[in-house]
Every structure is written in structure tokens, then in C-alpha cells.
């Protein structure tokens, strides 16, 4: 259940989740950023709920079933809370 505690503000159920971001116009991204709270602010002292392996796809519209793979990435839980990932394709 999502709640207002740090790290749980947008929880996904299970080990996989999907997100679609709809923009008002077509863009050609060069990088993506992902931010998660640091361990020091986590009530449990860990951030195991942080995304780890993730892929980013470009879609022409939100109903498109398969998009263009823009990259596959790994969020480093030991790294900075805000991490940048360049478009790979």
C-alpha cells in the first residue's frame, strides 16, 4: 500500500512495474534521470524498494504496444540519489 513515508510515495506491487509518461509534444531525449531517497533518509535504513534494472522505450502514443528501446539501465543503490542515464540507442 502506498503511503506518505519516504520511499513509499509511489510503490508498485510486486517486483515489476510499468509507467507511461505522456508528453504534450514529440521529443528526442538524450538522457533520463531517476531519483530515489538515500538510505540515510529511509525509515528502515535501506532502499530495497528502489528500481534496479529498468528499460526505457519511446512510443508514438500511449496505446502502442511495442516501442523503440532507448536503453537498459541499472540504478546504483550505493550511488547518488539522483542518477542520470544517457540514451543508448
N, C-alpha and C. Protein backbone atom coordinates (compact mmCIF):
# COMPACT_ATOMS: atom_id res chain seq x y z
N UNK A 1 0.83 -1.18 0.00
CA UNK A 1 0.00 0.00 0.00
C UNK A 1 0.88 1.25 0.00
N UNK A 2 0.71 2.13 -0.95
CA UNK A 2 1.44 3.40 -0.92
C UNK A 2 1.03 4.22 0.29
N UNK A 3 1.99 4.92 0.86
CA UNK A 3 1.71 5.81 1.98
C UNK A 3 2.62 7.02 1.87
N UNK A 4 2.66 7.83 2.89
CA UNK A 4 3.43 9.07 2.84
C UNK A 4 4.83 8.94 3.42
N UNK A 5 5.26 7.73 3.78
CA UNK A 5 6.60 7.54 4.32
C UNK A 5 7.63 7.61 3.19
N UNK A 6 8.83 8.13 3.48
CA UNK A 6 9.87 8.21 2.44
C UNK A 6 10.11 6.85 1.78
N UNK A 7 10.15 6.85 0.46
CA UNK A 7 10.40 5.62 -0.28
C UNK A 7 9.15 4.87 -0.68
N UNK A 8 8.00 5.23 -0.11
CA UNK A 8 6.75 4.53 -0.41
C UNK A 8 5.74 5.42 -1.10
N UNK A 9 6.17 6.58 -1.57
CA UNK A 9 5.21 7.53 -2.12
C UNK A 9 4.59 7.06 -3.43
N UNK A 10 5.24 6.13 -4.10
CA UNK A 10 4.70 5.65 -5.37
C UNK A 10 5.09 4.19 -5.55
N UNK A 11 4.64 3.37 -4.65
CA UNK A 11 5.04 1.96 -4.63
C UNK A 11 4.31 1.16 -5.71
N UNK A 12 5.03 0.23 -6.33
CA UNK A 12 4.45 -0.73 -7.25
C UNK A 12 4.29 -2.05 -6.50
N UNK A 13 3.25 -2.78 -6.81
CA UNK A 13 3.05 -4.09 -6.21
C UNK A 13 3.89 -5.11 -6.96
N UNK A 14 4.62 -5.94 -6.25
CA UNK A 14 5.43 -6.97 -6.88
C UNK A 14 6.80 -6.46 -7.27
N UNK A 15 7.48 -7.23 -8.11
CA UNK A 15 8.87 -6.90 -8.47
C UNK A 15 8.98 -6.21 -9.83
N UNK A 16 7.86 -6.02 -10.53
CA UNK A 16 7.89 -5.35 -11.82
C UNK A 16 6.78 -4.31 -11.90
N UNK A 17 7.03 -3.28 -12.67
CA UNK A 17 6.02 -2.26 -12.87
C UNK A 17 6.23 -1.57 -14.20
N UNK A 18 5.24 -0.85 -14.64
CA UNK A 18 5.30 -0.15 -15.91
C UNK A 18 4.79 1.27 -15.71
N UNK A 19 5.36 2.18 -16.44
CA UNK A 19 4.98 3.58 -16.35
C UNK A 19 4.96 4.16 -17.75
N UNK A 20 3.92 4.91 -18.06
CA UNK A 20 3.85 5.64 -19.32
C UNK A 20 3.77 7.12 -18.98
N UNK A 21 4.66 7.91 -19.56
CA UNK A 21 4.65 9.36 -19.40
C UNK A 21 4.21 9.94 -20.73
N UNK A 22 3.10 10.64 -20.71
CA UNK A 22 2.57 11.24 -21.93
C UNK A 22 2.99 12.71 -21.98
N UNK A 23 3.65 13.08 -23.05
CA UNK A 23 4.12 14.45 -23.22
C UNK A 23 3.21 15.20 -24.19
N UNK A 24 3.24 16.51 -24.13
CA UNK A 24 2.36 17.31 -24.99
C UNK A 24 2.87 17.42 -26.42
N UNK A 25 4.14 17.07 -26.63
CA UNK A 25 4.70 17.12 -27.98
C UNK A 25 5.80 16.06 -28.12
N UNK A 26 6.13 15.75 -29.34
CA UNK A 26 7.16 14.76 -29.63
C UNK A 26 8.53 15.34 -29.26
N UNK A 27 9.37 14.54 -28.60
CA UNK A 27 10.72 14.97 -28.23
C UNK A 27 11.72 13.89 -28.64
N UNK A 28 12.97 14.25 -28.65
CA UNK A 28 14.06 13.31 -28.88
C UNK A 28 14.98 13.40 -27.67
N UNK A 29 14.75 12.55 -26.66
CA UNK A 29 15.53 12.66 -25.43
C UNK A 29 16.99 12.26 -25.64
N UNK A 30 17.85 12.85 -24.83
CA UNK A 30 19.28 12.49 -24.85
C UNK A 30 19.69 11.78 -23.58
N UNK A 31 18.88 11.90 -22.52
CA UNK A 31 19.18 11.25 -21.24
C UNK A 31 17.93 11.20 -20.38
N UNK A 32 17.98 10.35 -19.36
CA UNK A 32 16.90 10.20 -18.39
C UNK A 32 17.51 10.30 -17.00
N UNK A 33 16.74 10.79 -16.06
CA UNK A 33 17.20 10.77 -14.67
C UNK A 33 16.20 10.00 -13.83
N UNK A 34 16.73 9.35 -12.80
CA UNK A 34 15.91 8.60 -11.86
C UNK A 34 16.40 8.98 -10.47
N UNK A 35 15.45 9.34 -9.61
CA UNK A 35 15.81 9.75 -8.25
C UNK A 35 15.05 8.90 -7.24
N UNK A 36 15.74 8.49 -6.19
CA UNK A 36 15.15 7.75 -5.09
C UNK A 36 15.75 8.31 -3.81
N UNK A 37 15.03 8.18 -2.71
CA UNK A 37 15.58 8.71 -1.47
C UNK A 37 16.87 7.98 -1.10
N UNK A 38 17.82 8.64 -0.45
CA UNK A 38 19.03 7.97 0.00
C UNK A 38 18.74 7.08 1.21
N UNK A 39 19.62 6.13 1.45
CA UNK A 39 19.46 5.24 2.60
C UNK A 39 19.35 6.01 3.91
N UNK A 40 20.07 7.12 4.00
CA UNK A 40 20.08 7.90 5.24
C UNK A 40 18.72 8.50 5.59
N UNK A 41 17.85 8.69 4.61
CA UNK A 41 16.51 9.21 4.87
C UNK A 41 15.45 8.13 4.95
N UNK A 42 15.82 6.90 4.67
CA UNK A 42 14.86 5.80 4.70
C UNK A 42 14.59 5.39 6.14
N UNK A 43 13.32 5.24 6.53
CA UNK A 43 12.99 4.82 7.90
C UNK A 43 13.60 3.47 8.27
N UNK A 44 13.81 2.61 7.28
CA UNK A 44 14.36 1.27 7.55
C UNK A 44 15.87 1.22 7.38
N UNK A 45 16.47 2.29 6.85
CA UNK A 45 17.91 2.29 6.62
C UNK A 45 18.32 1.60 5.34
N UNK A 46 17.37 1.16 4.54
CA UNK A 46 17.70 0.55 3.24
C UNK A 46 16.74 1.09 2.19
N UNK A 47 17.09 0.87 0.94
CA UNK A 47 16.24 1.32 -0.17
C UNK A 47 16.01 0.17 -1.14
N UNK A 48 15.66 -0.97 -0.59
CA UNK A 48 15.42 -2.14 -1.43
C UNK A 48 14.23 -1.96 -2.36
N UNK A 49 13.38 -0.98 -2.07
CA UNK A 49 12.23 -0.73 -2.96
C UNK A 49 12.62 0.11 -4.18
N UNK A 50 13.85 0.61 -4.22
CA UNK A 50 14.28 1.44 -5.36
C UNK A 50 14.33 0.58 -6.62
N UNK A 51 13.98 1.17 -7.75
CA UNK A 51 14.12 0.42 -9.01
C UNK A 51 15.56 -0.01 -9.19
N UNK A 52 15.76 -1.14 -9.79
CA UNK A 52 17.14 -1.60 -10.02
C UNK A 52 17.41 -1.66 -11.51
N UNK A 53 16.92 -2.68 -12.16
CA UNK A 53 17.07 -2.80 -13.61
C UNK A 53 15.83 -2.20 -14.26
N UNK A 54 16.04 -1.31 -15.23
CA UNK A 54 14.90 -0.74 -15.92
C UNK A 54 15.25 -0.44 -17.37
N UNK A 55 14.24 -0.44 -18.19
CA UNK A 55 14.37 -0.16 -19.62
C UNK A 55 13.49 1.03 -19.95
N UNK A 56 13.90 1.81 -20.93
CA UNK A 56 13.13 2.95 -21.38
C UNK A 56 12.82 2.77 -22.87
N UNK A 57 11.55 2.92 -23.22
CA UNK A 57 11.10 2.78 -24.59
C UNK A 57 10.46 4.09 -25.04
N UNK A 58 10.63 4.41 -26.29
CA UNK A 58 9.95 5.55 -26.89
C UNK A 58 8.73 5.05 -27.63
N UNK A 59 7.60 5.71 -27.41
CA UNK A 59 6.34 5.33 -28.05
C UNK A 59 5.79 6.50 -28.84
N UNK A 60 5.10 6.20 -29.91
CA UNK A 60 4.43 7.25 -30.67
C UNK A 60 3.16 7.71 -29.97
N UNK A 61 2.51 6.79 -29.23
CA UNK A 61 1.34 7.14 -28.43
C UNK A 61 1.20 6.13 -27.31
N UNK A 62 0.38 6.42 -26.32
CA UNK A 62 0.27 5.58 -25.14
C UNK A 62 -0.37 4.22 -25.41
N UNK A 63 -0.98 4.04 -26.56
CA UNK A 63 -1.64 2.77 -26.89
C UNK A 63 -0.74 1.84 -27.69
N UNK A 64 0.40 2.31 -28.10
CA UNK A 64 1.35 1.49 -28.86
C UNK A 64 1.88 0.39 -27.95
N UNK A 65 1.83 -0.85 -28.41
CA UNK A 65 2.23 -1.98 -27.57
C UNK A 65 3.73 -2.17 -27.52
N UNK A 66 4.41 -1.92 -28.61
CA UNK A 66 5.87 -2.07 -28.63
C UNK A 66 6.48 -0.77 -29.11
N UNK A 67 7.43 -0.27 -28.34
CA UNK A 67 8.10 0.96 -28.71
C UNK A 67 9.54 0.69 -29.12
N UNK A 68 10.28 1.76 -29.30
CA UNK A 68 11.70 1.66 -29.63
C UNK A 68 12.50 1.68 -28.34
N UNK A 69 13.34 0.67 -28.15
CA UNK A 69 14.18 0.59 -26.96
C UNK A 69 15.21 1.71 -27.00
N UNK A 70 15.19 2.57 -25.99
CA UNK A 70 16.15 3.67 -25.90
C UNK A 70 17.32 3.34 -24.98
N UNK A 71 17.17 2.30 -24.18
CA UNK A 71 18.28 1.88 -23.32
C UNK A 71 17.82 0.99 -22.18
N UNK A 72 18.76 0.21 -21.67
CA UNK A 72 18.54 -0.63 -20.48
C UNK A 72 19.56 -0.18 -19.45
N UNK A 73 19.09 0.02 -18.21
CA UNK A 73 19.92 0.66 -17.21
C UNK A 73 19.83 -0.06 -15.87
N UNK A 74 20.75 0.30 -14.96
CA UNK A 74 20.77 -0.21 -13.60
C UNK A 74 20.92 0.97 -12.66
N UNK A 75 19.98 1.14 -11.74
CA UNK A 75 20.08 2.16 -10.71
C UNK A 75 20.99 1.64 -9.62
N UNK A 76 22.04 2.39 -9.27
CA UNK A 76 23.02 2.00 -8.26
C UNK A 76 22.54 2.47 -6.89
N UNK A 77 22.07 1.53 -6.07
CA UNK A 77 21.56 1.87 -4.74
C UNK A 77 22.64 2.43 -3.82
N UNK A 78 23.90 2.19 -4.15
CA UNK A 78 25.01 2.73 -3.36
C UNK A 78 25.45 4.09 -3.90
N UNK A 79 24.91 4.51 -5.02
CA UNK A 79 25.31 5.76 -5.66
C UNK A 79 24.50 6.95 -5.15
N UNK A 80 24.59 8.03 -5.90
CA UNK A 80 23.85 9.25 -5.58
C UNK A 80 22.35 9.00 -5.72
N UNK A 81 21.51 9.72 -4.96
CA UNK A 81 20.06 9.54 -5.09
C UNK A 81 19.53 9.88 -6.48
N UNK A 82 20.10 10.92 -7.11
CA UNK A 82 19.69 11.32 -8.45
C UNK A 82 20.75 10.84 -9.43
N UNK A 83 20.36 9.96 -10.35
CA UNK A 83 21.30 9.38 -11.31
C UNK A 83 20.81 9.65 -12.73
N UNK A 84 21.77 9.94 -13.61
CA UNK A 84 21.45 10.25 -15.00
C UNK A 84 21.91 9.09 -15.89
N UNK A 85 21.09 8.78 -16.88
CA UNK A 85 21.36 7.69 -17.80
C UNK A 85 21.21 8.20 -19.23
N UNK A 86 22.27 8.13 -20.05
CA UNK A 86 22.17 8.60 -21.43
C UNK A 86 21.35 7.65 -22.29
N UNK A 87 20.71 8.20 -23.32
CA UNK A 87 20.02 7.36 -24.30
C UNK A 87 21.09 6.52 -24.99
N UNK A 88 20.86 5.21 -25.08
CA UNK A 88 21.88 4.31 -25.61
C UNK A 88 21.68 4.04 -27.09
N UNK A 89 20.45 4.19 -27.57
CA UNK A 89 20.14 3.89 -28.97
C UNK A 89 19.65 5.17 -29.65
